[in-house]
């Protein structure tokens, strides 16, 4: 968990995570035109893989063994609004498909807002997978760690 402004509170509700069946169709190797990552941190930088085919294979192998989940994230009831000028979430992987669609993959998290600040809460080992307006969650500890802990950096270069 990454803390933001304010103190950690034990009254923050947890996400509800259950096993599920997936209706998400994963892309095929030949359907992915390119990959990129928007790095975490205040100055989010776009990166591309040094070896596209190797990175595509690695990511697709992780997705093939990922376990589909049903996730219900808690909703903060605070009326307080917080604004930041920088991207403060985790690194996000973008799969750019040949049919012009984009898939985004990132460690699953939610932001809990209170009157005194906010905190980030990560769902350990869980990734959020978005394709258009469809969002799915998967238990995928290897891909989660690769993104959250910036283990991808040696395989990528500046765009």
C-alpha atoms as a PDB file:
ATOM      1  CA  UNK A   1       0.000   0.000   0.000  1.00  0.00           C
ATOM      2  CA  UNK A   2       1.214   3.480  -0.870  1.00  0.00           C
ATOM      3  CA  UNK A   3       0.120   6.193   1.531  1.00  0.00           C
ATOM      4  CA  UNK A   4      -0.876   9.598   0.277  1.00  0.00           C
ATOM      5  CA  UNK A   5      -1.663  12.693   2.320  1.00  0.00           C
ATOM      6  CA  UNK A   6      -3.128  11.829   5.687  1.00  0.00           C
ATOM      7  CA  UNK A   7      -2.850   8.975   8.124  1.00  0.00           C
ATOM      8  CA  UNK A   8      -3.520   5.288   7.551  1.00  0.00           C
ATOM      9  CA  UNK A   9      -6.814   4.328   9.104  1.00  0.00           C
ATOM     10  CA  UNK A  10      -7.871   0.891  10.238  1.00  0.00           C
ATOM     11  CA  UNK A  11     -11.440   1.792   9.237  1.00  0.00           C
ATOM     12  CA  UNK A  12     -10.688   1.584   5.512  1.00  0.00           C
ATOM     13  CA  UNK A  13     -12.851  -1.168   4.032  1.00  0.00           C
ATOM     14  CA  UNK A  14     -11.201  -3.928   2.037  1.00  0.00           C
ATOM     15  CA  UNK A  15     -12.011  -4.885  -1.546  1.00  0.00           C
ATOM     16  CA  UNK A  16     -14.122  -8.012  -1.973  1.00  0.00           C
ATOM     17  CA  UNK A  17     -12.237 -10.482  -4.171  1.00  0.00           C
ATOM     18  CA  UNK A  18     -13.672 -13.826  -5.339  1.00  0.00           C
ATOM     19  CA  UNK A  19     -12.812 -16.413  -7.966  1.00  0.00           C
ATOM     20  CA  UNK A  20     -14.787 -16.004 -11.177  1.00  0.00           C
ATOM     21  CA  UNK A  21     -15.003 -17.243 -14.727  1.00  0.00           C
ATOM     22  CA  UNK A  22     -13.647 -14.966 -17.413  1.00  0.00           C
ATOM     23  CA  UNK A  23     -15.413 -13.795 -20.527  1.00  0.00           C
ATOM     24  CA  UNK A  24     -12.369 -11.781 -21.607  1.00  0.00           C
ATOM     25  CA  UNK A  25     -10.694 -12.860 -24.822  1.00  0.00           C
ATOM     26  CA  UNK A  26      -6.945 -12.425 -24.520  1.00  0.00           C
ATOM     27  CA  UNK A  27      -5.078 -11.094 -27.550  1.00  0.00           C
ATOM     28  CA  UNK A  28      -3.005 -13.398 -29.722  1.00  0.00           C
ATOM     29  CA  UNK A  29       0.693 -12.773 -30.260  1.00  0.00           C
ATOM     30  CA  UNK A  30       0.046 -11.775 -33.892  1.00  0.00           C
ATOM     31  CA  UNK A  31      -2.695  -9.349 -32.833  1.00  0.00           C
ATOM     32  CA  UNK A  32      -0.367  -7.157 -30.791  1.00  0.00           C
ATOM     33  CA  UNK A  33       1.258  -4.445 -32.892  1.00  0.00           C
ATOM     34  CA  UNK A  34       3.274  -2.832 -30.095  1.00  0.00           C
ATOM     35  CA  UNK A  35       3.627  -2.440 -26.331  1.00  0.00           C
ATOM     36  CA  UNK A  36       4.397   0.552 -24.166  1.00  0.00           C
ATOM     37  CA  UNK A  37       4.521   1.387 -20.489  1.00  0.00           C
ATOM     38  CA  UNK A  38       3.675   4.638 -18.767  1.00  0.00           C
ATOM     39  CA  UNK A  39       5.974   4.593 -15.764  1.00  0.00           C
ATOM     40  CA  UNK A  40       4.858   5.452 -12.274  1.00  0.00           C
ATOM     41  CA  UNK A  41       5.937   8.632 -10.572  1.00  0.00           C
ATOM     42  CA  UNK A  42       5.362  12.341 -10.928  1.00  0.00           C
ATOM     43  CA  UNK A  43       7.008  12.568 -14.358  1.00  0.00           C
ATOM     44  CA  UNK A  44       5.309   9.641 -16.049  1.00  0.00           C
ATOM     45  CA  UNK A  45       7.535   8.601 -18.951  1.00  0.00           C
ATOM     46  CA  UNK A  46       6.502   6.480 -21.932  1.00  0.00           C
ATOM     47  CA  UNK A  47       8.759   3.485 -22.496  1.00  0.00           C
ATOM     48  CA  UNK A  48       8.893   0.825 -25.239  1.00  0.00           C
ATOM     49  CA  UNK A  49      10.386  -2.676 -25.099  1.00  0.00           C
ATOM     50  CA  UNK A  50      13.927  -3.253 -26.308  1.00  0.00           C
ATOM     51  CA  UNK A  51      12.887  -6.676 -27.666  1.00  0.00           C
ATOM     52  CA  UNK A  52       9.195  -6.511 -28.614  1.00  0.00           C
ATOM     53  CA  UNK A  53       8.703 -10.229 -29.352  1.00  0.00           C
ATOM     54  CA  UNK A  54      10.356 -11.378 -26.139  1.00  0.00           C
ATOM     55  CA  UNK A  55       8.275  -8.980 -24.046  1.00  0.00           C
ATOM     56  CA  UNK A  56       5.033  -9.907 -25.859  1.00  0.00           C
ATOM     57  CA  UNK A  57       5.741 -13.594 -25.201  1.00  0.00           C
ATOM     58  CA  UNK A  58       6.480 -12.953 -21.522  1.00  0.00           C
ATOM     59  CA  UNK A  59       3.302 -10.902 -20.964  1.00  0.00           C
ATOM     60  CA  UNK A  60       1.059 -13.314 -22.887  1.00  0.00           C
ATOM     61  CA  UNK A  61       2.464 -16.308 -20.980  1.00  0.00           C
ATOM     62  CA  UNK A  62       1.592 -14.586 -17.707  1.00  0.00           C
ATOM     63  CA  UNK A  63      -1.916 -13.770 -18.941  1.00  0.00           C
ATOM     64  CA  UNK A  64      -2.522 -17.369 -20.079  1.00  0.00           C
ATOM     65  CA  UNK A  65      -2.116 -18.667 -16.522  1.00  0.00           C
ATOM     66  CA  UNK A  66      -3.839 -15.734 -14.784  1.00  0.00           C
ATOM     67  CA  UNK A  67      -6.909 -16.653 -12.733  1.00  0.00           C
ATOM     68  CA  UNK A  68     -10.057 -14.576 -13.374  1.00  0.00           C
ATOM     69  CA  UNK A  69     -11.505 -12.773 -10.364  1.00  0.00           C
ATOM     70  CA  UNK A  70     -14.587 -10.845  -9.407  1.00  0.00           C
ATOM     71  CA  UNK A  71     -13.564  -7.653  -7.594  1.00  0.00           C
ATOM     72  CA  UNK A  72     -15.762  -5.163  -5.779  1.00  0.00           C
ATOM     73  CA  UNK A  73     -13.815  -2.060  -4.757  1.00  0.00           C
ATOM     74  CA  UNK A  74     -15.005  -0.005  -1.776  1.00  0.00           C
ATOM     75  CA  UNK A  75     -16.321   3.466  -2.492  1.00  0.00           C
ATOM     76  CA  UNK A  76     -15.246   6.344  -0.272  1.00  0.00           C
ATOM     77  CA  UNK A  77     -18.128   8.307   1.194  1.00  0.00           C
ATOM     78  CA  UNK A  78     -16.026  11.413   1.822  1.00  0.00           C
ATOM     79  CA  UNK A  79     -17.182  14.584   0.132  1.00  0.00           C
ATOM     80  CA  UNK A  80     -13.598  15.884   0.189  1.00  0.00           C
ATOM     81  CA  UNK A  81     -11.997  16.278  -3.245  1.00  0.00           C
ATOM     82  CA  UNK A  82      -8.253  15.823  -3.748  1.00  0.00           C
ATOM     83  CA  UNK A  83      -6.408  16.930  -6.850  1.00  0.00           C
ATOM     84  CA  UNK A  84      -2.895  16.188  -7.988  1.00  0.00           C
ATOM     85  CA  UNK A  85      -1.036  17.520 -11.001  1.00  0.00           C
ATOM     86  CA  UNK A  86       0.946  14.315 -11.461  1.00  0.00           C
ATOM     87  CA  UNK A  87       0.126  10.709 -12.215  1.00  0.00           C
ATOM     88  CA  UNK A  88       0.448   8.914  -8.895  1.00  0.00           C
ATOM     89  CA  UNK A  89      -0.677   5.395  -9.756  1.00  0.00           C
ATOM     90  CA  UNK A  90       1.406   2.348 -10.659  1.00  0.00           C
ATOM     91  CA  UNK A  91       3.161   1.682 -13.970  1.00  0.00           C
ATOM     92  CA  UNK A  92       0.621   0.832 -16.662  1.00  0.00           C
ATOM     93  CA  UNK A  93       1.209  -1.549 -19.568  1.00  0.00           C
ATOM     94  CA  UNK A  94      -0.465  -0.746 -22.899  1.00  0.00           C
ATOM     95  CA  UNK A  95      -1.008  -3.407 -25.546  1.00  0.00           C
ATOM     96  CA  UNK A  96      -1.597  -1.653 -28.869  1.00  0.00           C
ATOM     97  CA  UNK A  97      -3.515  -4.082 -31.092  1.00  0.00           C
ATOM     98  CA  UNK A  98      -3.465  -4.241 -34.882  1.00  0.00           C
ATOM     99  CA  UNK A  99      -7.220  -3.576 -34.965  1.00  0.00           C
ATOM    100  CA  UNK A 100      -6.491  -0.174 -33.311  1.00  0.00           C
ATOM    101  CA  UNK A 101      -7.842  -1.227 -29.907  1.00  0.00           C
ATOM    102  CA  UNK A 102      -5.768  -0.721 -26.776  1.00  0.00           C
ATOM    103  CA  UNK A 103      -5.636  -2.908 -23.699  1.00  0.00           C
ATOM    104  CA  UNK A 104      -4.347  -1.472 -20.434  1.00  0.00           C
ATOM    105  CA  UNK A 105      -2.970  -3.623 -17.640  1.00  0.00           C
ATOM    106  CA  UNK A 106      -1.953  -2.337 -14.208  1.00  0.00           C
ATOM    107  CA  UNK A 107      -1.764  -3.501 -10.620  1.00  0.00           C
ATOM    108  CA  UNK A 108      -5.284  -3.249  -9.166  1.00  0.00           C
ATOM    109  CA  UNK A 109      -5.706  -0.533  -6.548  1.00  0.00           C
ATOM    110  CA  UNK A 110      -8.186   1.924  -5.125  1.00  0.00           C
ATOM    111  CA  UNK A 111      -7.839   5.311  -3.479  1.00  0.00           C
ATOM    112  CA  UNK A 112      -9.528   5.856  -0.121  1.00  0.00           C
ATOM    113  CA  UNK A 113     -10.397   9.519   0.495  1.00  0.00           C
ATOM    114  CA  UNK A 114     -11.088  10.996   3.929  1.00  0.00           C
ATOM    115  CA  UNK A 115     -11.444  14.568   5.141  1.00  0.00           C
ATOM    116  CA  UNK A 116      -7.780  14.531   6.189  1.00  0.00           C
ATOM    117  CA  UNK A 117      -6.225  12.963   3.078  1.00  0.00           C
ATOM    118  CA  UNK A 118      -6.101   9.864   0.953  1.00  0.00           C
ATOM    119  CA  UNK A 119      -4.362   6.503   0.788  1.00  0.00           C
ATOM    120  CA  UNK A 120      -3.652   4.034  -2.000  1.00  0.00           C
ATOM    121  CA  UNK A 121      -4.595   0.411  -1.400  1.00  0.00           C
ATOM    122  CA  UNK A 122      -3.221  -2.264  -3.714  1.00  0.00           C
ATOM    123  CA  UNK A 123      -4.863  -5.657  -4.177  1.00  0.00           C
ATOM    124  CA  UNK A 124      -1.855  -7.907  -3.720  1.00  0.00           C
ATOM    125  CA  UNK A 125      -1.162 -10.027  -6.798  1.00  0.00           C
ATOM    126  CA  UNK A 126      -4.207  -8.718  -8.694  1.00  0.00           C
ATOM    127  CA  UNK A 127      -4.102  -6.919 -12.046  1.00  0.00           C
ATOM    128  CA  UNK A 128      -6.781  -4.773 -13.669  1.00  0.00           C
ATOM    129  CA  UNK A 129      -7.244  -5.521 -17.394  1.00  0.00           C
ATOM    130  CA  UNK A 130      -9.183  -2.995 -19.484  1.00  0.00           C
ATOM    131  CA  UNK A 131     -10.235  -3.240 -23.105  1.00  0.00           C
ATOM    132  CA  UNK A 132     -12.473  -0.376 -24.145  1.00  0.00           C
ATOM    133  CA  UNK A 133     -15.252  -0.112 -21.584  1.00  0.00           C
ATOM    134  CA  UNK A 134     -14.733  -3.681 -20.303  1.00  0.00           C
ATOM    135  CA  UNK A 135     -12.735  -4.156 -17.118  1.00  0.00           C
ATOM    136  CA  UNK A 136     -11.651  -7.502 -15.735  1.00  0.00           C
ATOM    137  CA  UNK A 137      -9.462  -8.571 -12.850  1.00  0.00           C
ATOM    138  CA  UNK A 138      -7.002 -11.448 -12.673  1.00  0.00           C
ATOM    139  CA  UNK A 139      -4.855 -13.049 -10.004  1.00  0.00           C
ATOM    140  CA  UNK A 140      -1.443 -12.779 -11.654  1.00  0.00           C
ATOM    141  CA  UNK A 141       1.302 -12.316  -9.042  1.00  0.00           C
ATOM    142  CA  UNK A 142       4.193 -12.338 -11.544  1.00  0.00           C
ATOM    143  CA  UNK A 143       2.731  -9.654 -13.839  1.00  0.00           C
ATOM    144  CA  UNK A 144       1.568  -7.657 -10.795  1.00  0.00           C
ATOM    145  CA  UNK A 145       5.104  -7.605  -9.303  1.00  0.00           C
ATOM    146  CA  UNK A 146       6.704  -6.917 -12.695  1.00  0.00           C
ATOM    147  CA  UNK A 147       4.593  -3.752 -13.025  1.00  0.00           C
ATOM    148  CA  UNK A 148       4.287  -2.604  -9.398  1.00  0.00           C
ATOM    149  CA  UNK A 149       7.966  -3.023  -8.501  1.00  0.00           C
ATOM    150  CA  UNK A 150       9.218  -1.679 -11.862  1.00  0.00           C
ATOM    151  CA  UNK A 151      10.893  -4.999 -12.693  1.00  0.00           C
ATOM    152  CA  UNK A 152      10.118  -4.229 -16.355  1.00  0.00           C
ATOM    153  CA  UNK A 153      12.618  -1.322 -16.544  1.00  0.00           C
ATOM    154  CA  UNK A 154      15.674  -3.327 -17.747  1.00  0.00           C
ATOM    155  CA  UNK A 155      13.596  -4.566 -20.714  1.00  0.00           C
ATOM    156  CA  UNK A 156      12.442  -1.104 -21.852  1.00  0.00           C
ATOM    157  CA  UNK A 157      13.882   2.125 -23.233  1.00  0.00           C
ATOM    158  CA  UNK A 158      12.570   5.695 -23.565  1.00  0.00           C
ATOM    159  CA  UNK A 159      10.046   6.180 -26.349  1.00  0.00           C
END
